[in-house]
PDB file of N, CA and C in Angstrom:
ATOM      1  N   MET A   1     -73.013  93.764 -65.799  1.00  0.00           N
ATOM      2  CA  MET A   1     -73.836  93.955 -64.627  1.00  0.00           C
ATOM      3  C   MET A   1     -75.103  94.749 -64.959  1.00  0.00           C
ATOM      4  N   ILE A   2     -74.983  95.724 -65.866  1.00  0.00           N
ATOM      5  CA  ILE A   2     -76.151  96.529 -66.222  1.00  0.00           C
ATOM      6  C   ILE A   2     -77.156  95.672 -66.995  1.00  0.00           C
ATOM      7  N   TYR A   3     -76.666  94.717 -67.793  1.00  0.00           N
ATOM      8  CA  TYR A   3     -77.558  93.827 -68.523  1.00  0.00           C
ATOM      9  C   TYR A   3     -78.385  92.974 -67.564  1.00  0.00           C
ATOM     10  N   ILE A   4     -77.760  92.463 -66.534  1.00  0.00           N
ATOM     11  CA  ILE A   4     -78.473  91.647 -65.546  1.00  0.00           C
ATOM     12  C   ILE A   4     -79.503  92.494 -64.809  1.00  0.00           C
ATOM     13  N   LEU A   5     -79.168  93.725 -64.489  1.00  0.00           N
ATOM     14  CA  LEU A   5     -80.126  94.623 -63.832  1.00  0.00           C
ATOM     15  C   LEU A   5     -81.311  94.908 -64.751  1.00  0.00           C
ATOM     16  N   HIS A   6     -81.045  95.095 -66.030  1.00  0.00           N
ATOM     17  CA  HIS A   6     -82.127  95.313 -67.002  1.00  0.00           C
ATOM     18  C   HIS A   6     -83.050  94.095 -67.082  1.00  0.00           C
ATOM     19  N   ILE A   7     -82.472  92.918 -67.131  1.00  0.00           N
ATOM     20  CA  ILE A   7     -83.266  91.692 -67.181  1.00  0.00           C
ATOM     21  C   ILE A   7     -84.105  91.540 -65.910  1.00  0.00           C
ATOM     22  N   LEU A   8     -83.550  91.864 -64.756  1.00  0.00           N
ATOM     23  CA  LEU A   8     -84.301  91.773 -63.502  1.00  0.00           C
ATOM     24  C   LEU A   8     -85.446  92.777 -63.457  1.00  0.00           C
ATOM     25  N   ILE A   9     -85.246  93.953 -63.996  1.00  0.00           N
ATOM     26  CA  ILE A   9     -86.315  94.954 -64.047  1.00  0.00           C
ATOM     27  C   ILE A   9     -87.436  94.490 -64.966  1.00  0.00           C
ATOM     28  N   ILE A  10     -87.107  93.954 -66.123  1.00  0.00           N
ATOM     29  CA  ILE A  10     -88.123  93.445 -67.056  1.00  0.00           C
ATOM     30  C   ILE A  10     -88.885  92.283 -66.424  1.00  0.00           C
ATOM     31  N   ILE A  11     -88.183  91.388 -65.733  1.00  0.00           N
ATOM     32  CA  ILE A  11     -88.846  90.278 -65.056  1.00  0.00           C
ATOM     33  C   ILE A  11     -89.811  90.796 -63.997  1.00  0.00           C
ATOM     34  N   THR A  12     -89.407  91.803 -63.255  1.00  0.00           N
ATOM     35  CA  THR A  12     -90.271  92.370 -62.221  1.00  0.00           C
ATOM     36  C   THR A  12     -91.511  93.021 -62.817  1.00  0.00           C
ATOM     37  N   ILE A  13     -91.357  93.730 -63.921  1.00  0.00           N
ATOM     38  CA  ILE A  13     -92.504  94.368 -64.569  1.00  0.00           C
ATOM     39  C   ILE A  13     -93.499  93.318 -65.040  1.00  0.00           C
ATOM     40  N   TYR A  14     -93.012  92.275 -65.703  1.00  0.00           N
ATOM     41  CA  TYR A  14     -93.918  91.238 -66.187  1.00  0.00           C
ATOM     42  C   TYR A  14     -94.487  90.392 -65.053  1.00  0.00           C
ATOM     43  N   LEU A  15     -93.775  90.282 -63.949  1.00  0.00           N
ATOM     44  CA  LEU A  15     -94.302  89.588 -62.787  1.00  0.00           C
ATOM     45  C   LEU A  15     -95.489  90.343 -62.197  1.00  0.00           C
ATOM     46  N   ILE A  16     -95.380  91.661 -62.098  1.00  0.00           N
ATOM     47  CA  ILE A  16     -96.487  92.479 -61.601  1.00  0.00           C
ATOM     48  C   ILE A  16     -97.681  92.381 -62.537  1.00  0.00           C
ATOM     49  N   LEU A  17     -97.436  92.432 -63.842  1.00  0.00           N
ATOM     50  CA  LEU A  17     -98.530  92.289 -64.807  1.00  0.00           C
ATOM     51  C   LEU A  17     -99.202  90.931 -64.725  1.00  0.00           C
ATOM     52  N   SER A  18     -98.417  89.884 -64.597  1.00  0.00           N
ATOM     53  CA  SER A  18     -99.017  88.545 -64.532  1.00  0.00           C
ATOM     54  C   SER A  18     -99.776  88.334 -63.236  1.00  0.00           C
ATOM     55  N   LEU A  19     -99.295  88.885 -62.131  1.00  0.00           N
ATOM     56  CA  LEU A  19    -100.023  88.757 -60.870  1.00  0.00           C
ATOM     57  C   LEU A  19    -101.347  89.514 -60.902  1.00  0.00           C
ATOM     58  N   SER A  20    -101.349  90.689 -61.510  1.00  0.00           N
ATOM     59  CA  SER A  20    -102.603  91.441 -61.581  1.00  0.00           C
ATOM     60  C   SER A  20    -103.589  90.767 -62.527  1.00  0.00           C
ATOM     61  N   LEU A  21    -103.106  90.188 -63.616  1.00  0.00           N
ATOM     62  CA  LEU A  21    -103.992  89.465 -64.528  1.00  0.00           C
ATOM     63  C   LEU A  21    -104.515  88.183 -63.880  1.00  0.00           C
ATOM     64  N   ASN A  22    -103.685  87.515 -63.084  1.00  0.00           N
ATOM     65  CA  ASN A  22    -104.131  86.333 -62.360  1.00  0.00           C
ATOM     66  C   ASN A  22    -105.194  86.699 -61.332  1.00  0.00           C
ATOM     67  N   LEU A  23    -105.042  87.828 -60.687  1.00  0.00           N
ATOM     68  CA  LEU A  23    -106.043  88.279 -59.722  1.00  0.00           C
ATOM     69  C   LEU A  23    -107.367  88.538 -60.409  1.00  0.00           C
ATOM     70  N   LEU A  24    -107.317  89.137 -61.582  1.00  0.00           N
ATOM     71  CA  LEU A  24    -108.531  89.475 -62.313  1.00  0.00           C
ATOM     72  C   LEU A  24    -109.188  88.245 -62.951  1.00  0.00           C
ATOM     73  N   VAL A  25    -108.410  87.429 -63.638  1.00  0.00           N
ATOM     74  CA  VAL A  25    -108.967  86.291 -64.364  1.00  0.00           C
ATOM     75  C   VAL A  25    -109.108  85.074 -63.452  1.00  0.00           C
ATOM     76  N   GLY A  26    -108.081  84.778 -62.684  1.00  0.00           N
ATOM     77  CA  GLY A  26    -108.098  83.568 -61.877  1.00  0.00           C
ATOM     78  C   GLY A  26    -109.050  83.640 -60.702  1.00  0.00           C
ATOM     79  N   TYR A  27    -108.931  84.666 -59.894  1.00  0.00           N
ATOM     80  CA  TYR A  27    -109.759  84.772 -58.698  1.00  0.00           C
ATOM     81  C   TYR A  27    -111.090  85.456 -58.967  1.00  0.00           C
ATOM     82  N   GLY A  28    -111.104  86.430 -59.836  1.00  0.00           N
ATOM     83  CA  GLY A  28    -112.336  87.154 -60.116  1.00  0.00           C
ATOM     84  C   GLY A  28    -113.204  86.517 -61.177  1.00  0.00           C
ATOM     85  N   GLY A  29    -112.615  85.720 -62.050  1.00  0.00           N
ATOM     86  CA  GLY A  29    -113.363  85.084 -63.115  1.00  0.00           C
ATOM     87  C   GLY A  29    -113.768  86.041 -64.222  1.00  0.00           C
ATOM     88  N   LEU A  30    -113.111  87.168 -64.333  1.00  0.00           N
ATOM     89  CA  LEU A  30    -113.426  88.158 -65.357  1.00  0.00           C
ATOM     90  C   LEU A  30    -112.428  88.056 -66.505  1.00  0.00           C
ATOM     91  N   ILE A  31    -112.890  88.314 -67.700  1.00  0.00           N
ATOM     92  CA  ILE A  31    -112.006  88.313 -68.863  1.00  0.00           C
ATOM     93  C   ILE A  31    -111.522  89.742 -69.099  1.00  0.00           C
ATOM     94  N   SER A  32    -110.231  89.921 -69.194  1.00  0.00           N
ATOM     95  CA  SER A  32    -109.666  91.251 -69.393  1.00  0.00           C
ATOM     96  C   SER A  32    -109.111  91.369 -70.796  1.00  0.00           C
ATOM     97  N   LEU A  33    -109.713  92.223 -71.595  1.00  0.00           N
ATOM     98  CA  LEU A  33    -109.209  92.473 -72.941  1.00  0.00           C
ATOM     99  C   LEU A  33    -108.379  93.751 -73.010  1.00  0.00           C
ATOM    100  N   CYS A  34    -108.479  94.582 -72.011  1.00  0.00           N
ATOM    101  CA  CYS A  34    -107.794  95.883 -72.026  1.00  0.00           C
ATOM    102  C   CYS A  34    -106.556  95.911 -71.141  1.00  0.00           C
ATOM    103  N   HIS A  35    -106.173  94.803 -70.563  1.00  0.00           N
ATOM    104  CA  HIS A  35    -105.077  94.792 -69.605  1.00  0.00           C
ATOM    105  C   HIS A  35    -103.765  95.292 -70.228  1.00  0.00           C
ATOM    106  N   ALA A  36    -103.397  94.735 -71.349  1.00  0.00           N
ATOM    107  CA  ALA A  36    -102.159  95.131 -72.011  1.00  0.00           C
ATOM    108  C   ALA A  36    -102.259  96.530 -72.600  1.00  0.00           C
ATOM    109  N   ALA A  37    -103.459  96.924 -73.002  1.00  0.00           N
ATOM    110  CA  ALA A  37    -103.635  98.270 -73.571  1.00  0.00           C
ATOM    111  C   ALA A  37    -103.401  99.333 -72.508  1.00  0.00           C
ATOM    112  N   PHE A  38    -103.925  99.128 -71.317  1.00  0.00           N
ATOM    113  CA  PHE A  38    -103.711 100.107 -70.248  1.00  0.00           C
ATOM    114  C   PHE A  38    -102.254 100.131 -69.796  1.00  0.00           C
ATOM    115  N   TYR A  39    -101.606  98.982 -69.826  1.00  0.00           N
ATOM    116  CA  TYR A  39    -100.171  98.931 -69.528  1.00  0.00           C
ATOM    117  C   TYR A  39     -99.381  99.758 -70.543  1.00  0.00           C
ATOM    118  N   GLY A  40     -99.716  99.612 -71.814  1.00  0.00           N
ATOM    119  CA  GLY A  40     -99.035 100.373 -72.859  1.00  0.00           C
ATOM    120  C   GLY A  40     -99.334 101.855 -72.793  1.00  0.00           C
ATOM    121  N   ILE A  41    -100.578 102.208 -72.496  1.00  0.00           N
ATOM    122  CA  ILE A  41    -100.944 103.628 -72.383  1.00  0.00           C
ATOM    123  C   ILE A  41    -100.201 104.279 -71.222  1.00  0.00           C
ATOM    124  N   GLY A  42    -100.119 103.588 -70.101  1.00  0.00           N
ATOM    125  CA  GLY A  42     -99.393 104.130 -68.955  1.00  0.00           C
ATOM    126  C   GLY A  42     -97.912 104.295 -69.229  1.00  0.00           C
ATOM    127  N   ALA A  43     -97.320 103.305 -69.882  1.00  0.00           N
ATOM    128  CA  ALA A  43     -95.893 103.387 -70.209  1.00  0.00           C
ATOM    129  C   ALA A  43     -95.617 104.496 -71.212  1.00  0.00           C
ATOM    130  N   TYR A  44     -96.478 104.607 -72.212  1.00  0.00           N
ATOM    131  CA  TYR A  44     -96.292 105.638 -73.234  1.00  0.00           C
ATOM    132  C   TYR A  44     -96.486 107.037 -72.645  1.00  0.00           C
ATOM    133  N   THR A  45     -97.482 107.196 -71.792  1.00  0.00           N
ATOM    134  CA  THR A  45     -97.735 108.500 -71.169  1.00  0.00           C
ATOM    135  C   THR A  45     -96.583 108.917 -70.272  1.00  0.00           C
ATOM    136  N   SER A  46     -96.102 107.994 -69.446  1.00  0.00           N
ATOM    137  CA  SER A  46     -94.992 108.358 -68.560  1.00  0.00           C
ATOM    138  C   SER A  46     -93.722 108.664 -69.345  1.00  0.00           C
ATOM    139  N   THR A  47     -93.487 107.946 -70.435  1.00  0.00           N
ATOM    140  CA  THR A  47     -92.310 108.219 -71.258  1.00  0.00           C
ATOM    141  C   THR A  47     -92.408 109.584 -71.928  1.00  0.00           C
ATOM    142  N   LEU A  48     -93.585 109.915 -72.466  1.00  0.00           N
ATOM    143  CA  LEU A  48     -93.755 111.230 -73.086  1.00  0.00           C
ATOM    144  C   LEU A  48     -93.602 112.356 -72.075  1.00  0.00           C
ATOM    145  N   LEU A  49     -94.134 112.163 -70.877  1.00  0.00           N
ATOM    146  CA  LEU A  49     -94.010 113.201 -69.857  1.00  0.00           C
ATOM    147  C   LEU A  49     -92.564 113.400 -69.416  1.00  0.00           C
ATOM    148  N   MET A  50     -91.803 112.313 -69.329  1.00  0.00           N
ATOM    149  CA  MET A  50     -90.405 112.444 -68.921  1.00  0.00           C
ATOM    150  C   MET A  50     -89.529 112.990 -70.034  1.00  0.00           C
ATOM    151  N   MET A  51     -89.807 112.628 -71.278  1.00  0.00           N
ATOM    152  CA  MET A  51     -88.950 113.056 -72.379  1.00  0.00           C
ATOM    153  C   MET A  51     -89.304 114.452 -72.893  1.00  0.00           C
ATOM    154  N   ASP A  52     -90.582 114.732 -73.094  1.00  0.00           N
ATOM    155  CA  ASP A  52     -90.976 115.997 -73.712  1.00  0.00           C
ATOM    156  C   ASP A  52     -91.233 117.106 -72.696  1.00  0.00           C
ATOM    157  N   VAL A  53     -91.854 116.770 -71.577  1.00  0.00           N
ATOM    158  CA  VAL A  53     -92.215 117.793 -70.592  1.00  0.00           C
ATOM    159  C   VAL A  53     -91.137 117.931 -69.519  1.00  0.00           C
ATOM    160  N   ASN A  54     -90.188 116.992 -69.473  1.00  0.00           N
ATOM    161  CA  ASN A  54     -89.078 116.979 -68.519  1.00  0.00           C
ATOM    162  C   ASN A  54     -89.562 116.908 -67.073  1.00  0.00           C
ATOM    163  N   LEU A  55     -90.531 116.036 -66.830  1.00  0.00           N
ATOM    164  CA  LEU A  55     -90.990 115.797 -65.471  1.00  0.00           C
ATOM    165  C   LEU A  55     -90.134 114.714 -64.830  1.00  0.00           C
ATOM    166  N   SER A  56     -90.073 114.724 -63.508  1.00  0.00           N
ATOM    167  CA  SER A  56     -89.355 113.668 -62.811  1.00  0.00           C
ATOM    168  C   SER A  56     -90.175 112.378 -62.862  1.00  0.00           C
ATOM    169  N   PHE A  57     -89.522 111.262 -62.602  1.00  0.00           N
ATOM    170  CA  PHE A  57     -90.193 109.975 -62.718  1.00  0.00           C
ATOM    171  C   PHE A  57     -91.382 109.824 -61.761  1.00  0.00           C
ATOM    172  N   PRO A  58     -91.245 110.177 -60.464  1.00  0.00           N
ATOM    173  CA  PRO A  58     -92.406 109.980 -59.584  1.00  0.00           C
ATOM    174  C   PRO A  58     -93.624 110.799 -60.006  1.00  0.00           C
ATOM    175  N   PHE A  59     -93.413 112.030 -60.435  1.00  0.00           N
ATOM    176  CA  PHE A  59     -94.542 112.855 -60.857  1.00  0.00           C
ATOM    177  C   PHE A  59     -95.148 112.341 -62.164  1.00  0.00           C
ATOM    178  N   ALA A  60     -94.298 111.908 -63.090  1.00  0.00           N
ATOM    179  CA  ALA A  60     -94.798 111.338 -64.347  1.00  0.00           C
ATOM    180  C   ALA A  60     -95.553 110.045 -64.090  1.00  0.00           C
ATOM    181  N   LEU A  61     -95.122 109.278 -63.113  1.00  0.00           N
ATOM    182  CA  LEU A  61     -95.816 108.045 -62.758  1.00  0.00           C
ATOM    183  C   LEU A  61     -97.212 108.330 -62.219  1.00  0.00           C
ATOM    184  N   VAL A  62     -97.324 109.328 -61.350  1.00  0.00           N
ATOM    185  CA  VAL A  62     -98.626 109.691 -60.787  1.00  0.00           C
ATOM    186  C   VAL A  62     -99.554 110.211 -61.878  1.00  0.00           C
ATOM    187  N   VAL A  63     -99.041 111.034 -62.765  1.00  0.00           N
ATOM    188  CA  VAL A  63     -99.871 111.582 -63.846  1.00  0.00           C
ATOM    189  C   VAL A  63    -100.290 110.476 -64.809  1.00  0.00           C
ATOM    190  N   SER A  64     -99.397 109.553 -65.122  1.00  0.00           N
ATOM    191  CA  SER A  64     -99.770 108.467 -66.041  1.00  0.00           C
ATOM    192  C   SER A  64    -100.785 107.524 -65.402  1.00  0.00           C
ATOM    193  N   ILE A  65    -100.734 107.334 -64.091  1.00  0.00           N
ATOM    194  CA  ILE A  65    -101.760 106.547 -63.410  1.00  0.00           C
ATOM    195  C   ILE A  65    -103.101 107.257 -63.519  1.00  0.00           C
ATOM    196  N   GLY A  66    -103.101 108.577 -63.370  1.00  0.00           N
ATOM    197  CA  GLY A  66    -104.337 109.340 -63.519  1.00  0.00           C
ATOM    198  C   GLY A  66    -104.906 109.258 -64.928  1.00  0.00           C
ATOM    199  N   VAL A  67    -104.045 109.316 -65.929  1.00  0.00           N
ATOM    200  CA  VAL A  67    -104.500 109.212 -67.319  1.00  0.00           C
ATOM    201  C   VAL A  67    -105.099 107.832 -67.573  1.00  0.00           C
ATOM    202  N   CYS A  68    -104.454 106.788 -67.074  1.00  0.00           N
ATOM    203  CA  CYS A  68    -104.999 105.435 -67.245  1.00  0.00           C
ATOM    204  C   CYS A  68    -106.322 105.275 -66.511  1.00  0.00           C
ATOM    205  N   MET A  69    -106.452 105.901 -65.351  1.00  0.00           N
ATOM    206  CA  MET A  69    -107.721 105.822 -64.627  1.00  0.00           C
ATOM    207  C   MET A  69    -108.836 106.495 -65.407  1.00  0.00           C
ATOM    208  N   LEU A  70    -108.563 107.649 -65.977  1.00  0.00           N
ATOM    209  CA  LEU A  70    -109.588 108.344 -66.756  1.00  0.00           C
ATOM    210  C   LEU A  70    -109.975 107.552 -68.007  1.00  0.00           C
ATOM    211  N   LEU A  71    -108.985 106.995 -68.694  1.00  0.00           N
ATOM    212  CA  LEU A  71    -109.297 106.198 -69.879  1.00  0.00           C
ATOM    213  C   LEU A  71    -110.036 104.916 -69.521  1.00  0.00           C
ATOM    214  N   SER A  72    -109.718 104.322 -68.384  1.00  0.00           N
ATOM    215  CA  SER A  72    -110.445 103.118 -67.983  1.00  0.00           C
ATOM    216  C   SER A  72    -111.876 103.445 -67.593  1.00  0.00           C
ATOM    217  N   LEU A  73    -112.114 104.630 -67.034  1.00  0.00           N
ATOM    218  CA  LEU A  73    -113.487 105.042 -66.757  1.00  0.00           C
ATOM    219  C   LEU A  73    -114.275 105.229 -68.045  1.00  0.00           C
ATOM    220  N   LEU A  74    -113.627 105.768 -69.069  1.00  0.00           N
ATOM    221  CA  LEU A  74    -114.293 105.930 -70.356  1.00  0.00           C
ATOM    222  C   LEU A  74    -114.652 104.583 -70.989  1.00  0.00           C
ATOM    223  N   VAL A  75    -113.843 103.566 -70.743  1.00  0.00           N
ATOM    224  CA  VAL A  75    -114.135 102.242 -71.267  1.00  0.00           C
ATOM    225  C   VAL A  75    -115.158 101.522 -70.384  1.00  0.00           C
ATOM    226  N   ALA A  76    -115.040 101.684 -69.078  1.00  0.00           N
ATOM    227  CA  ALA A  76    -115.875 100.916 -68.150  1.00  0.00           C
ATOM    228  C   ALA A  76    -117.307 101.429 -68.083  1.00  0.00           C
ATOM    229  N   TYR A  77    -117.504 102.708 -68.178  1.00  0.00           N
ATOM    230  CA  TYR A  77    -118.855 103.251 -68.014  1.00  0.00           C
ATOM    231  C   TYR A  77    -119.845 102.740 -69.069  1.00  0.00           C
ATOM    232  N   PRO A  78    -119.505 102.749 -70.354  1.00  0.00           N
ATOM    233  CA  PRO A  78    -120.463 102.194 -71.330  1.00  0.00           C
ATOM    234  C   PRO A  78    -120.633 100.677 -71.212  1.00  0.00           C
ATOM    235  N   SER A  79    -119.626  99.979 -70.711  1.00  0.00           N
ATOM    236  CA  SER A  79    -119.722  98.532 -70.632  1.00  0.00           C
ATOM    237  C   SER A  79    -120.445  98.047 -69.382  1.00  0.00           C
ATOM    238  N   LEU A  80    -120.889  98.940 -68.521  1.00  0.00           N
ATOM    239  CA  LEU A  80    -121.620  98.527 -67.325  1.00  0.00           C
ATOM    240  C   LEU A  80    -122.941  97.873 -67.680  1.00  0.00           C
ATOM    241  N   ARG A  81    -123.551  98.282 -68.777  1.00  0.00           N
ATOM    242  CA  ARG A  81    -124.843  97.732 -69.174  1.00  0.00           C
ATOM    243  C   ARG A  81    -124.728  96.387 -69.889  1.00  0.00           C
ATOM    244  N   LEU A  82    -123.509  95.984 -70.220  1.00  0.00           N
ATOM    245  CA  LEU A  82    -123.349  94.701 -70.918  1.00  0.00           C
ATOM    246  C   LEU A  82    -123.399  93.629 -69.897  1.00  0.00           C
TER     247      LEU A  82
END
């Protein structure tokens, strides 16, 4: 039963990623090269915060969203002129 729950969680995560990429590429017509990188940065940040700093999941999730937002601003600001 735990294996099936794990598979359903992985399917849900990739479903959210594919829907957001479809929104960006399909409807917006924009090419996203950083989509998977920001997903990995957010996952890595939340894991480090939960394992090393012993934060709860909701707080680590909020902090990792903030870290991804700051890193995306660092990437987006120089690319505005392109």
